[in-house]
Amino acid sequence: MTPETVTLTRGDVTAASEVLTATAAALIARGEDLWPLESLTPARLLRHYPAPDWRVAWAAGRPVGAYVLLDADPLFWPDAPPGEALYLHKLAVHPDVQGQGVSGRLLRQAVQETAGRKRPFLRLDTASARPRLRAVYERFGFRHVGERVVRAWPVSLYEYPVS
C-alpha cells in the first residue's frame, strides 16, 4: 500500500469507529492510553461529531484511517473568530498500516479541504504529554501556537497555515 492508493470517503462513522477502536486498543496495550474504548462507539462519536464531518481512508477495501473535520471548536479554541479555520480531531491510523504514509495522506487531504473552503488555517489540539504524536504534526508543518488545560487535560494547540 502507498499513500496514493488510499481513497477517502465521508460520513462513515462505523468505519471511523473501527479504526479509532483498533488504534486506541493498540495504544492501551502499549500503556499509552489516548481515548477510552467506550467513547469510540459510533453512537458515542455521533454525540459530539456529526456524520458528514467524518473522513475515512480506505485501502484494499478496508478502513485504514479516519479523522473528523469541524467548522468550529469552541471547547479548545474559544477565542477563534468564526470562519478562520477548520478543526481536525480524532486523527487515527489503523495499527496494521502505521508507518506507511497514511497519516500524511490524511493531513494533506484535510489541508486541501481547508483551502477549498477558503479557510486560512487548519487547527488541532493534542495531548501535551504525547511527544511522538506532537512530532508527527510538527514534521508535517503544523506550528505550535499554545498550551491550555481543557477539562483537566493539558493540550497543545497547533495550526497549519493553508494560504
Protein backbone atom coordinates (compact mmCIF):
# COMPACT_ATOMS: atom_id res chain seq x y z
CA MET A 1 0.00 0.00 0.00
CA THR A 2 1.14 3.51 -0.80
CA PRO A 3 -0.49 6.77 0.26
CA GLU A 4 -1.56 7.23 -3.36
CA THR A 5 -3.63 4.01 -3.29
CA VAL A 6 -5.63 5.24 -0.30
CA THR A 7 -9.08 6.60 -1.13
CA LEU A 8 -11.17 8.82 1.11
CA THR A 9 -14.88 8.88 1.81
CA ARG A 10 -17.12 10.98 4.04
CA GLY A 11 -19.69 10.17 6.68
CA ASP A 12 -18.98 6.52 7.57
CA VAL A 13 -18.96 6.72 11.36
CA THR A 14 -18.99 2.93 11.74
CA ALA A 15 -15.77 2.60 9.73
CA ALA A 16 -14.23 5.53 11.62
CA SER A 17 -15.13 3.85 14.90
CA GLU A 18 -13.43 0.66 13.74
CA VAL A 19 -10.16 2.50 13.02
CA LEU A 20 -10.30 4.54 16.22
CA THR A 21 -11.03 1.48 18.35
CA ALA A 22 -8.17 -0.53 16.83
CA THR A 23 -5.80 2.40 17.30
CA ALA A 24 -6.87 3.03 20.89
CA ALA A 25 -6.63 -0.67 21.78
CA ALA A 26 -3.08 -0.86 20.39
CA LEU A 27 -2.10 2.21 22.41
CA ILE A 28 -3.67 0.80 25.57
CA ALA A 29 -1.72 -2.44 25.05
CA ARG A 30 1.49 -0.36 24.98
CA GLY A 31 0.48 1.56 28.11
CA GLU A 32 -0.15 4.76 26.14
CA ASP A 33 -3.86 5.37 26.71
CA LEU A 34 -5.29 8.08 24.47
CA TRP A 35 -9.03 7.52 24.14
CA PRO A 36 -11.25 5.31 26.32
CA LEU A 37 -12.61 2.49 24.16
CA GLU A 38 -16.19 3.07 25.32
CA SER A 39 -16.02 6.62 23.90
CA LEU A 40 -15.35 5.31 20.38
CA THR A 41 -18.60 3.54 19.53
CA PRO A 42 -20.50 5.03 16.58
CA ALA A 43 -23.28 6.22 18.89
CA ARG A 44 -20.85 7.97 21.24
CA LEU A 45 -18.90 9.55 18.39
CA LEU A 46 -22.11 10.91 16.87
CA ARG A 47 -22.93 12.70 20.15
CA HIS A 48 -20.02 15.05 19.53
CA TYR A 49 -19.25 14.83 15.82
CA PRO A 50 -21.90 14.84 13.05
CA ALA A 51 -21.64 12.02 10.49
CA PRO A 52 -20.92 14.33 7.50
CA ASP A 53 -17.81 15.67 9.29
CA TRP A 54 -16.08 12.24 9.34
CA ARG A 55 -13.45 11.28 6.77
CA VAL A 56 -12.36 7.66 6.34
CA ALA A 57 -9.34 6.39 4.42
CA TRP A 58 -9.67 3.05 2.64
CA ALA A 59 -7.10 0.65 1.20
CA ALA A 60 -7.83 -2.78 -0.26
CA GLY A 61 -11.49 -2.45 0.72
CA ARG A 62 -10.98 -1.82 4.43
CA PRO A 63 -10.81 1.30 6.59
CA VAL A 64 -7.24 2.26 7.46
CA GLY A 65 -7.53 5.82 8.73
CA ALA A 66 -10.02 8.36 10.00
CA TYR A 67 -10.48 11.88 11.26
CA VAL A 68 -13.22 14.40 11.82
CA LEU A 69 -13.12 17.94 10.45
CA LEU A 70 -15.19 20.61 12.18
CA ASP A 71 -16.18 24.18 11.28
CA ALA A 72 -15.68 25.40 14.84
CA ASP A 73 -14.10 24.18 18.06
CA PRO A 74 -15.23 26.38 20.95
CA LEU A 75 -14.02 23.93 23.61
CA PHE A 76 -10.36 24.02 22.60
CA TRP A 77 -10.28 27.28 20.60
CA PRO A 78 -12.86 29.51 22.37
CA ASP A 79 -11.39 32.81 21.16
CA ALA A 80 -11.05 31.87 17.48
CA PRO A 81 -13.03 34.07 15.10
CA PRO A 82 -15.72 32.21 13.11
CA GLY A 83 -14.70 31.12 9.63
CA GLU A 84 -10.98 31.41 10.29
CA ALA A 85 -10.13 27.69 10.39
CA LEU A 86 -11.24 24.10 10.18
CA TYR A 87 -10.52 21.92 13.20
CA LEU A 88 -9.11 18.42 13.00
CA HIS A 89 -9.98 15.84 15.66
CA LYS A 90 -9.58 12.09 16.22
CA LEU A 91 -6.91 11.50 13.59
CA ALA A 92 -6.16 7.78 13.66
CA VAL A 93 -4.36 5.26 11.50
CA HIS A 94 -5.11 1.56 11.89
CA PRO A 95 -2.18 -0.20 13.63
CA ASP A 96 -1.82 -2.62 10.70
CA VAL A 97 -0.77 0.20 8.36
CA GLN A 98 1.02 2.65 10.61
CA GLY A 99 4.31 3.87 9.20
CA GLN A 100 3.10 3.61 5.58
CA GLY A 101 2.29 7.28 4.98
CA VAL A 102 -1.42 7.18 5.77
CA SER A 103 -1.27 9.95 8.38
CA GLY A 104 0.44 12.26 5.87
CA ARG A 105 -2.20 11.42 3.26
CA LEU A 106 -4.96 12.24 5.75
CA LEU A 107 -3.33 15.50 6.78
CA ARG A 108 -2.81 16.55 3.14
CA GLN A 109 -6.49 15.85 2.46
CA ALA A 110 -7.52 17.96 5.46
CA VAL A 111 -5.31 20.81 4.23
CA GLN A 112 -6.82 20.57 0.73
CA GLU A 113 -10.33 20.68 2.11
CA THR A 114 -9.46 23.62 4.34
CA ALA A 115 -8.08 25.51 1.34
CA GLY A 116 -11.12 24.56 -0.75
CA ARG A 117 -13.36 26.02 1.91
CA LYS A 118 -11.31 29.24 1.91
CA ARG A 119 -10.10 28.95 5.50
CA PRO A 120 -6.61 30.29 6.22
CA PHE A 121 -5.82 27.72 8.94
CA LEU A 122 -6.19 24.06 9.79
CA ARG A 123 -6.05 23.68 13.56
CA LEU A 124 -5.86 20.85 16.03
CA ASP A 125 -5.16 20.08 19.64
CA THR A 126 -3.31 17.11 21.05
CA ALA A 127 -2.31 15.88 24.48
CA SER A 128 0.69 17.87 25.66
CA ALA A 129 2.31 14.77 27.15
CA ARG A 130 2.49 12.88 23.82
CA PRO A 131 5.78 13.95 22.23
CA ARG A 132 5.69 11.33 19.45
CA LEU A 133 2.24 12.42 18.33
CA ARG A 134 3.21 16.07 18.54
CA ALA A 135 6.26 15.31 16.40
CA VAL A 136 4.03 13.87 13.66
CA TYR A 137 2.21 17.18 13.40
CA GLU A 138 5.39 19.25 13.65
CA ARG A 139 7.13 17.22 10.90
CA PHE A 140 4.11 17.83 8.68
CA GLY A 141 4.45 21.58 9.21
CA PHE A 142 2.00 22.45 11.98
CA ARG A 143 3.15 25.29 14.23
CA HIS A 144 2.79 25.02 17.98
CA VAL A 145 0.77 28.09 19.00
CA GLY A 146 -0.11 27.50 22.63
CA GLU A 147 -0.99 25.36 25.59
CA ARG A 148 -4.19 25.20 27.58
CA VAL A 149 -5.95 22.98 30.07
CA VAL A 150 -9.35 21.73 28.96
CA ARG A 151 -11.38 19.73 31.47
CA ALA A 152 -8.21 18.96 33.46
CA TRP A 153 -6.29 17.78 30.33
CA PRO A 154 -3.21 19.74 29.27
CA VAL A 155 -3.33 20.15 25.50
CA SER A 156 -1.02 21.63 22.91
CA LEU A 157 -2.58 23.76 20.20
CA TYR A 158 -1.30 23.61 16.63
CA GLU A 159 -2.17 25.36 13.41
CA TYR A 160 -1.18 24.92 9.80
CA PRO A 161 -1.26 27.99 7.57
CA VAL A 162 -3.10 26.97 4.43
CA SER A 163 -2.66 30.05 2.23
